[in-house]
Amino acid sequence: MNARREKSKQQKPLLNKQLEAATEPVKNEDHSIAFEAGKFCLDIAKLVFGGVILAGIMQQGIEFNSLFLTGLCVVLLFVVFGFYLIKKSKDKNRR
């Protein structure tokens, strides 16, 4: 009976180490708030670009020059800000 007790005492530290390793939080660098916000900005840029193209095709009396200029500015703004947020999140996770 003592041999079984000794054997179970030896296994407890090993089991504790295995449980600690299994329950450690997984560090996934792609799921920070800045990264998700950057992806969201890129999605908005795609939607605005599609809206500008559709509005140009529909020919609803919208002045083309102002439509494309405004759309281009908004798309560039969202693209630059989106890539800035993604780069910021990747730089933050490297530290």
Protein backbone atom coordinates (compact mmCIF):
# COMPACT_ATOMS: atom_id res chain seq x y z
CA MET A 1 0.00 0.00 0.00
CA ASN A 2 2.87 2.36 0.71
CA ALA A 3 4.25 1.78 -2.77
CA ARG A 4 1.02 2.99 -4.35
CA ARG A 5 1.01 6.11 -2.18
CA GLU A 6 4.57 6.91 -3.12
CA LYS A 7 3.78 6.41 -6.79
CA SER A 8 0.75 8.71 -6.63
CA LYS A 9 2.79 11.40 -4.84
CA GLN A 10 5.37 11.27 -7.62
CA GLN A 11 2.73 11.69 -10.31
CA LYS A 12 1.07 14.78 -8.79
CA PRO A 13 3.82 17.29 -9.72
CA LEU A 14 3.88 15.93 -13.26
CA LEU A 15 0.10 16.22 -13.56
CA ASN A 16 0.16 19.75 -12.15
CA LYS A 17 2.74 20.81 -14.74
CA GLN A 18 0.68 19.26 -17.52
CA LEU A 19 -2.47 21.04 -16.31
CA GLU A 20 -0.67 24.39 -16.10
CA ALA A 21 0.64 23.97 -19.63
CA ALA A 22 -2.80 23.03 -20.92
CA THR A 23 -4.56 25.98 -19.28
CA GLU A 24 -2.08 28.71 -20.26
CA PRO A 25 -3.79 31.44 -22.27
CA VAL A 26 -2.99 31.29 -25.94
CA LYS A 27 -1.32 34.47 -27.12
CA ASN A 28 -2.75 35.26 -30.50
CA GLU A 29 -1.30 38.50 -31.80
CA ASP A 30 -3.96 38.92 -34.48
CA HIS A 31 -6.83 39.55 -32.10
CA SER A 32 -6.04 42.89 -30.56
CA ILE A 33 -8.52 45.73 -30.68
CA ALA A 34 -6.27 47.83 -32.91
CA PHE A 35 -5.92 44.97 -35.41
CA GLU A 36 -9.68 44.43 -35.57
CA ALA A 37 -10.28 48.19 -35.92
CA GLY A 38 -7.78 48.26 -38.79
CA LYS A 39 -9.58 45.43 -40.55
CA PHE A 40 -12.87 47.26 -40.01
CA CYS A 41 -11.45 50.44 -41.59
CA LEU A 42 -10.30 48.46 -44.62
CA ASP A 43 -13.78 46.93 -44.94
CA ILE A 44 -15.38 50.38 -44.79
CA ALA A 45 -12.97 51.57 -47.50
CA LYS A 46 -14.06 48.69 -49.73
CA LEU A 47 -17.73 49.49 -49.15
CA VAL A 48 -17.24 53.19 -49.92
CA PHE A 49 -15.32 52.31 -53.09
CA GLY A 50 -18.15 50.03 -54.21
CA GLY A 51 -20.71 52.70 -53.39
CA VAL A 52 -18.85 55.28 -55.47
CA ILE A 53 -18.69 52.90 -58.42
CA LEU A 54 -22.40 52.05 -58.14
CA ALA A 55 -23.39 55.70 -57.76
CA GLY A 56 -21.36 56.52 -60.88
CA ILE A 57 -23.03 53.77 -62.85
CA MET A 58 -26.57 54.69 -61.76
CA GLN A 59 -26.31 58.23 -63.18
CA GLN A 60 -28.77 59.82 -60.77
CA GLY A 61 -27.78 63.41 -61.47
CA ILE A 62 -24.74 63.34 -59.20
CA GLU A 63 -21.79 65.38 -60.41
CA PHE A 64 -19.10 62.84 -61.29
CA ASN A 65 -16.10 64.99 -60.37
CA SER A 66 -17.27 65.69 -56.83
CA LEU A 67 -18.44 62.09 -56.38
CA PHE A 68 -15.14 60.54 -57.40
CA LEU A 69 -13.02 63.14 -55.60
CA THR A 70 -14.94 62.77 -52.33
CA GLY A 71 -15.01 58.98 -52.65
CA LEU A 72 -11.30 58.81 -53.39
CA CYS A 73 -10.46 60.98 -50.36
CA VAL A 74 -12.64 58.91 -48.03
CA VAL A 75 -11.27 55.61 -49.35
CA LEU A 76 -7.67 56.76 -48.99
CA LEU A 77 -8.35 58.06 -45.49
CA PHE A 78 -9.81 54.74 -44.34
CA VAL A 79 -7.08 52.69 -46.06
CA VAL A 80 -4.24 54.70 -44.53
CA PHE A 81 -5.83 54.67 -41.08
CA GLY A 82 -6.59 50.94 -41.34
CA PHE A 83 -3.04 50.01 -42.27
CA TYR A 84 -1.72 52.32 -39.53
CA LEU A 85 -3.82 50.50 -36.91
CA ILE A 86 -2.75 47.08 -38.18
CA LYS A 87 0.93 48.08 -38.14
CA LYS A 88 0.52 49.56 -34.66
CA SER A 89 -0.99 46.34 -33.32
CA LYS A 90 1.73 44.18 -34.88
CA ASP A 91 4.48 46.43 -33.45
CA LYS A 92 2.86 46.34 -30.02
CA ASN A 93 2.70 42.53 -30.01
CA ARG A 94 6.37 42.12 -30.91
CA ARG A 95 7.52 43.67 -27.63
